[in-house]
Amino acid sequence: MKILAIAGSPRRKGNSNYLVDVALKEAEKLGARTEKIVLSDFKIAPCLGHDNCSSRATCAQKDDASQILDKLCDADGVIFSTPVYYYNVSAQLKALIDRTYFLYTHGRKPAAKAIGLIVVAESAGIEDTLHTLNQYLDETFHDKKVFTVSGYAGRCGEAKSNAKLVQDAENLGRQLAEALK
């Protein structure tokens, strides 16, 4: 069982990245093979929105999105994480979400049957962010189980001292692995 985490925070030591690491560690304890992609380490250009996407063999954008989308399609389970920036997903994650349009136009669907969402806000926007992510999941994945962790952590590293968030992330990792067994 392979679980891919796609981390949408530009901060490697940020709260949502920390919670992803906690979840993956728990999933590994149950035998999952895991991989974490920190989107800010890759070049992902925004979708060009051209009309002939479906006629192209490869995306017109020459960046790292294609290799990430291939991994997304092959994973048994996926975790999407994001901090809340201006009441919604980070720009890094939104760019990748938009680029999945190429998959859609080519009839490709990710295979994941279990999906985790990790959303961390300073003070507001969790509901809007989860709404956006759930709409994306509804359009992109079928026959899925979704597990969600969300909460508040204002300063970088603050999630480490939030026992409930840490426990929720551990539970998410276990739930994903158990759902894939």
C-alpha atoms as a PDB file:
ATOM      1  CA  MET A   1       0.000   0.000   0.000  1.00  0.00           C
ATOM      2  CA  LYS A   2       1.414   3.340  -1.090  1.00  0.00           C
ATOM      3  CA  ILE A   3       0.397   6.653   0.492  1.00  0.00           C
ATOM      4  CA  LEU A   4       1.451   9.874  -1.194  1.00  0.00           C
ATOM      5  CA  ALA A   5       1.356  13.120   0.762  1.00  0.00           C
ATOM      6  CA  ILE A   6       1.145  16.367  -1.187  1.00  0.00           C
ATOM      7  CA  ALA A   7       2.137  19.225   1.084  1.00  0.00           C
ATOM      8  CA  GLY A   8       0.899  22.620  -0.043  1.00  0.00           C
ATOM      9  CA  SER A   9       2.782  24.736   2.476  1.00  0.00           C
ATOM     10  CA  PRO A  10       5.765  26.774   1.330  1.00  0.00           C
ATOM     11  CA  ARG A  11       7.239  26.322   4.825  1.00  0.00           C
ATOM     12  CA  ARG A  12       9.080  23.030   5.289  1.00  0.00           C
ATOM     13  CA  LYS A  13       8.875  23.410   9.074  1.00  0.00           C
ATOM     14  CA  GLY A  14       5.342  24.778   9.064  1.00  0.00           C
ATOM     15  CA  ASN A  15       2.378  23.409  10.962  1.00  0.00           C
ATOM     16  CA  SER A  16       0.659  21.539   8.146  1.00  0.00           C
ATOM     17  CA  ASN A  17       3.959  19.948   7.041  1.00  0.00           C
ATOM     18  CA  TYR A  18       4.593  18.805  10.599  1.00  0.00           C
ATOM     19  CA  LEU A  19       1.152  17.191  10.803  1.00  0.00           C
ATOM     20  CA  VAL A  20       1.734  15.397   7.489  1.00  0.00           C
ATOM     21  CA  ASP A  21       4.933  13.915   8.918  1.00  0.00           C
ATOM     22  CA  VAL A  22       3.027  12.738  12.009  1.00  0.00           C
ATOM     23  CA  ALA A  23       0.331  11.088   9.855  1.00  0.00           C
ATOM     24  CA  LEU A  24       2.849   9.392   7.569  1.00  0.00           C
ATOM     25  CA  LYS A  25       4.820   8.034  10.515  1.00  0.00           C
ATOM     26  CA  GLU A  26       1.665   6.389  11.873  1.00  0.00           C
ATOM     27  CA  ALA A  27       0.775   4.946   8.465  1.00  0.00           C
ATOM     28  CA  GLU A  28       4.282   3.494   8.159  1.00  0.00           C
ATOM     29  CA  LYS A  29       3.813   1.695  11.491  1.00  0.00           C
ATOM     30  CA  LEU A  30       0.944  -0.186   9.840  1.00  0.00           C
ATOM     31  CA  GLY A  31       3.037  -1.170   6.815  1.00  0.00           C
ATOM     32  CA  ALA A  32       2.363   1.670   4.393  1.00  0.00           C
ATOM     33  CA  ARG A  33       5.062   2.832   2.035  1.00  0.00           C
ATOM     34  CA  THR A  34       4.964   6.606   2.066  1.00  0.00           C
ATOM     35  CA  GLU A  35       6.243   9.509   0.036  1.00  0.00           C
ATOM     36  CA  LYS A  36       5.924  13.203   0.762  1.00  0.00           C
ATOM     37  CA  ILE A  37       6.024  15.845  -1.948  1.00  0.00           C
ATOM     38  CA  VAL A  38       6.513  19.404  -0.758  1.00  0.00           C
ATOM     39  CA  LEU A  39       5.119  21.406  -3.653  1.00  0.00           C
ATOM     40  CA  SER A  40       7.312  24.441  -3.000  1.00  0.00           C
ATOM     41  CA  ASP A  41      10.347  22.258  -3.859  1.00  0.00           C
ATOM     42  CA  PHE A  42       9.019  21.858  -7.410  1.00  0.00           C
ATOM     43  CA  LYS A  43       8.268  24.132 -10.322  1.00  0.00           C
ATOM     44  CA  ILE A  44       4.531  24.041 -11.000  1.00  0.00           C
ATOM     45  CA  ALA A  45       3.221  26.679 -13.351  1.00  0.00           C
ATOM     46  CA  PRO A  46      -0.450  27.643 -13.370  1.00  0.00           C
ATOM     47  CA  CYS A  47      -2.781  26.022 -15.889  1.00  0.00           C
ATOM     48  CA  LEU A  48      -2.822  27.865 -19.206  1.00  0.00           C
ATOM     49  CA  GLY A  49      -6.497  27.099 -19.798  1.00  0.00           C
ATOM     50  CA  HIS A  50      -6.053  26.528 -23.515  1.00  0.00           C
ATOM     51  CA  ASP A  51      -8.881  24.975 -25.488  1.00  0.00           C
ATOM     52  CA  ASN A  52      -6.980  22.072 -27.022  1.00  0.00           C
ATOM     53  CA  CYS A  53      -5.705  20.355 -23.872  1.00  0.00           C
ATOM     54  CA  SER A  54      -7.300  17.019 -24.769  1.00  0.00           C
ATOM     55  CA  SER A  55      -5.583  16.944 -28.167  1.00  0.00           C
ATOM     56  CA  ARG A  56      -2.094  17.081 -26.650  1.00  0.00           C
ATOM     57  CA  ALA A  57      -0.127  13.981 -25.679  1.00  0.00           C
ATOM     58  CA  THR A  58       1.605  15.914 -22.914  1.00  0.00           C
ATOM     59  CA  CYS A  59       0.819  19.106 -21.078  1.00  0.00           C
ATOM     60  CA  ALA A  60       2.063  22.250 -22.794  1.00  0.00           C
ATOM     61  CA  GLN A  61       3.648  23.387 -19.539  1.00  0.00           C
ATOM     62  CA  LYS A  62       7.195  22.106 -19.185  1.00  0.00           C
ATOM     63  CA  ASP A  63       7.565  21.814 -15.431  1.00  0.00           C
ATOM     64  CA  ASP A  64       7.327  19.254 -12.619  1.00  0.00           C
ATOM     65  CA  ALA A  65       3.539  18.868 -12.483  1.00  0.00           C
ATOM     66  CA  SER A  66       3.377  15.850 -14.815  1.00  0.00           C
ATOM     67  CA  GLN A  67       5.634  13.717 -12.623  1.00  0.00           C
ATOM     68  CA  ILE A  68       3.621  14.650  -9.520  1.00  0.00           C
ATOM     69  CA  LEU A  69       0.329  13.892 -11.274  1.00  0.00           C
ATOM     70  CA  ASP A  70       1.671  10.482 -12.344  1.00  0.00           C
ATOM     71  CA  LYS A  71       2.480   9.695  -8.708  1.00  0.00           C
ATOM     72  CA  LEU A  72      -0.955  10.960  -7.681  1.00  0.00           C
ATOM     73  CA  CYS A  73      -2.610   8.587 -10.154  1.00  0.00           C
ATOM     74  CA  ASP A  74      -0.610   5.601  -8.901  1.00  0.00           C
ATOM     75  CA  ALA A  75      -1.041   6.088  -5.142  1.00  0.00           C
ATOM     76  CA  ASP A  76      -3.415   3.901  -3.133  1.00  0.00           C
ATOM     77  CA  GLY A  77      -3.933   6.675  -0.610  1.00  0.00           C
ATOM     78  CA  VAL A  78      -3.288  10.412  -0.697  1.00  0.00           C
ATOM     79  CA  ILE A  79      -2.921  13.155   1.870  1.00  0.00           C
ATOM     80  CA  PHE A  80      -3.442  16.754   0.782  1.00  0.00           C
ATOM     81  CA  SER A  81      -2.285  19.343   3.276  1.00  0.00           C
ATOM     82  CA  THR A  82      -2.425  23.095   3.220  1.00  0.00           C
ATOM     83  CA  PRO A  83      -2.215  26.071   5.467  1.00  0.00           C
ATOM     84  CA  VAL A  84      -5.078  28.513   5.028  1.00  0.00           C
ATOM     85  CA  TYR A  85      -3.951  31.570   3.076  1.00  0.00           C
ATOM     86  CA  TYR A  86      -6.569  34.243   2.492  1.00  0.00           C
ATOM     87  CA  TYR A  87      -9.393  31.896   3.479  1.00  0.00           C
ATOM     88  CA  ASN A  88      -8.491  29.044   1.138  1.00  0.00           C
ATOM     89  CA  VAL A  89      -5.844  26.614  -0.104  1.00  0.00           C
ATOM     90  CA  SER A  90      -2.297  27.779  -0.675  1.00  0.00           C
ATOM     91  CA  ALA A  91      -1.258  28.929  -4.148  1.00  0.00           C
ATOM     92  CA  GLN A  92       1.071  25.951  -4.436  1.00  0.00           C
ATOM     93  CA  LEU A  93      -1.718  23.432  -3.907  1.00  0.00           C
ATOM     94  CA  LYS A  94      -4.202  25.348  -6.042  1.00  0.00           C
ATOM     95  CA  ALA A  95      -1.779  25.328  -8.974  1.00  0.00           C
ATOM     96  CA  LEU A  96      -1.491  21.542  -8.790  1.00  0.00           C
ATOM     97  CA  ILE A  97      -5.254  21.128  -8.411  1.00  0.00           C
ATOM     98  CA  ASP A  98      -5.799  23.208 -11.543  1.00  0.00           C
ATOM     99  CA  ARG A  99      -3.222  21.186 -13.440  1.00  0.00           C
ATOM    100  CA  THR A 100      -5.190  17.979 -12.827  1.00  0.00           C
ATOM    101  CA  TYR A 101      -7.451  19.269 -15.597  1.00  0.00           C
ATOM    102  CA  PHE A 102      -5.000  17.584 -17.991  1.00  0.00           C
ATOM    103  CA  LEU A 103      -5.821  14.235 -16.367  1.00  0.00           C
ATOM    104  CA  TYR A 104      -9.538  14.943 -16.678  1.00  0.00           C
ATOM    105  CA  THR A 105      -9.294  15.747 -20.396  1.00  0.00           C
ATOM    106  CA  HIS A 106      -7.428  12.480 -20.955  1.00  0.00           C
ATOM    107  CA  GLY A 107      -9.792  10.261 -18.967  1.00  0.00           C
ATOM    108  CA  ARG A 108      -7.263   9.546 -16.216  1.00  0.00           C
ATOM    109  CA  LYS A 109      -8.437   9.241 -12.631  1.00  0.00           C
ATOM    110  CA  PRO A 110      -6.294   8.856  -9.541  1.00  0.00           C
ATOM    111  CA  ALA A 111      -6.687   5.377  -8.065  1.00  0.00           C
ATOM    112  CA  ALA A 112      -6.630   6.383  -4.389  1.00  0.00           C
ATOM    113  CA  LYS A 113      -9.445   4.915  -2.300  1.00  0.00           C
ATOM    114  CA  ALA A 114      -8.496   6.659   0.948  1.00  0.00           C
ATOM    115  CA  ILE A 115      -7.754  10.366   1.185  1.00  0.00           C
ATOM    116  CA  GLY A 116      -6.633  12.529   4.047  1.00  0.00           C
ATOM    117  CA  LEU A 117      -7.054  16.271   4.309  1.00  0.00           C
ATOM    118  CA  ILE A 118      -4.963  18.353   6.691  1.00  0.00           C
ATOM    119  CA  VAL A 119      -5.901  22.025   6.987  1.00  0.00           C
ATOM    120  CA  VAL A 120      -4.345  24.438   9.460  1.00  0.00           C
ATOM    121  CA  ALA A 121      -5.427  28.060   9.889  1.00  0.00           C
ATOM    122  CA  GLU A 122      -4.250  30.890  12.061  1.00  0.00           C
ATOM    123  CA  SER A 123      -7.712  32.229  12.824  1.00  0.00           C
ATOM    124  CA  ALA A 124     -10.266  31.662  10.029  1.00  0.00           C
ATOM    125  CA  GLY A 125     -10.960  29.994   6.691  1.00  0.00           C
ATOM    126  CA  ILE A 126     -10.958  26.301   7.543  1.00  0.00           C
ATOM    127  CA  GLU A 127     -14.542  25.773   6.340  1.00  0.00           C
ATOM    128  CA  ASP A 128     -13.946  27.467   2.980  1.00  0.00           C
ATOM    129  CA  THR A 129     -10.709  25.556   2.477  1.00  0.00           C
ATOM    130  CA  LEU A 130     -12.314  22.213   3.268  1.00  0.00           C
ATOM    131  CA  HIS A 131     -15.191  23.062   0.943  1.00  0.00           C
ATOM    132  CA  THR A 132     -12.747  23.730  -1.907  1.00  0.00           C
ATOM    133  CA  LEU A 133     -10.826  20.529  -1.251  1.00  0.00           C
ATOM    134  CA  ASN A 134     -13.956  18.400  -0.975  1.00  0.00           C
ATOM    135  CA  GLN A 135     -15.286  19.790  -4.259  1.00  0.00           C
ATOM    136  CA  TYR A 136     -11.979  18.835  -5.876  1.00  0.00           C
ATOM    137  CA  LEU A 137     -12.142  15.339  -4.370  1.00  0.00           C
ATOM    138  CA  ASP A 138     -15.720  14.848  -5.564  1.00  0.00           C
ATOM    139  CA  GLU A 139     -14.723  15.673  -9.136  1.00  0.00           C
ATOM    140  CA  THR A 140     -11.437  13.783  -9.159  1.00  0.00           C
ATOM    141  CA  PHE A 141     -11.777  10.630  -7.050  1.00  0.00           C
ATOM    142  CA  HIS A 142     -14.453   7.925  -6.956  1.00  0.00           C
ATOM    143  CA  ASP A 143     -15.320   5.348  -4.290  1.00  0.00           C
ATOM    144  CA  LYS A 144     -13.216   7.115  -1.696  1.00  0.00           C
ATOM    145  CA  LYS A 145     -13.058   7.401   2.052  1.00  0.00           C
ATOM    146  CA  VAL A 146     -12.056  10.849   3.274  1.00  0.00           C
ATOM    147  CA  PHE A 147     -10.476  11.567   6.636  1.00  0.00           C
ATOM    148  CA  THR A 148      -9.996  15.139   7.802  1.00  0.00           C
ATOM    149  CA  VAL A 149      -7.812  16.935  10.310  1.00  0.00           C
ATOM    150  CA  SER A 150      -8.254  20.655  10.792  1.00  0.00           C
ATOM    151  CA  GLY A 151      -7.380  23.125  13.467  1.00  0.00           C
ATOM    152  CA  TYR A 152      -5.675  26.313  14.457  1.00  0.00           C
ATOM    153  CA  ALA A 153      -1.998  27.079  14.895  1.00  0.00           C
ATOM    154  CA  GLY A 154      -0.918  30.668  14.435  1.00  0.00           C
ATOM    155  CA  ARG A 155       2.845  30.615  14.653  1.00  0.00           C
ATOM    156  CA  CYS A 156       5.218  28.337  12.792  1.00  0.00           C
ATOM    157  CA  GLY A 157       5.769  25.224  14.921  1.00  0.00           C
ATOM    158  CA  GLU A 158       2.744  25.835  17.138  1.00  0.00           C
ATOM    159  CA  ALA A 159       1.014  22.639  16.002  1.00  0.00           C
ATOM    160  CA  LYS A 160       3.642  20.557  17.816  1.00  0.00           C
ATOM    161  CA  SER A 161       2.264  21.740  21.147  1.00  0.00           C
ATOM    162  CA  ASN A 162      -1.387  21.258  20.168  1.00  0.00           C
ATOM    163  CA  ALA A 163      -2.027  17.768  21.554  1.00  0.00           C
ATOM    164  CA  LYS A 164      -5.418  17.432  19.844  1.00  0.00           C
ATOM    165  CA  LEU A 165      -4.036  18.293  16.390  1.00  0.00           C
ATOM    166  CA  VAL A 166      -1.136  15.879  16.819  1.00  0.00           C
ATOM    167  CA  GLN A 167      -3.458  13.098  17.974  1.00  0.00           C
ATOM    168  CA  ASP A 168      -5.847  13.807  15.088  1.00  0.00           C
ATOM    169  CA  ALA A 169      -2.936  13.576  12.616  1.00  0.00           C
ATOM    170  CA  GLU A 170      -1.842  10.256  14.150  1.00  0.00           C
ATOM    171  CA  ASN A 171      -5.413   8.983  13.819  1.00  0.00           C
ATOM    172  CA  LEU A 172      -5.571  10.120  10.201  1.00  0.00           C
ATOM    173  CA  GLY A 173      -2.415   8.149   9.375  1.00  0.00           C
ATOM    174  CA  ARG A 174      -3.817   5.029  11.024  1.00  0.00           C
ATOM    175  CA  GLN A 175      -7.235   5.448   9.380  1.00  0.00           C
ATOM    176  CA  LEU A 176      -5.696   5.781   5.928  1.00  0.00           C
ATOM    177  CA  ALA A 177      -3.529   2.690   6.359  1.00  0.00           C
ATOM    178  CA  GLU A 178      -6.387   0.649   7.815  1.00  0.00           C
ATOM    179  CA  ALA A 179      -8.749   1.713   5.019  1.00  0.00           C
ATOM    180  CA  LEU A 180      -6.223   0.476   2.457  1.00  0.00           C
ATOM    181  CA  LYS A 181      -5.630  -2.953   4.003  1.00  0.00           C
END
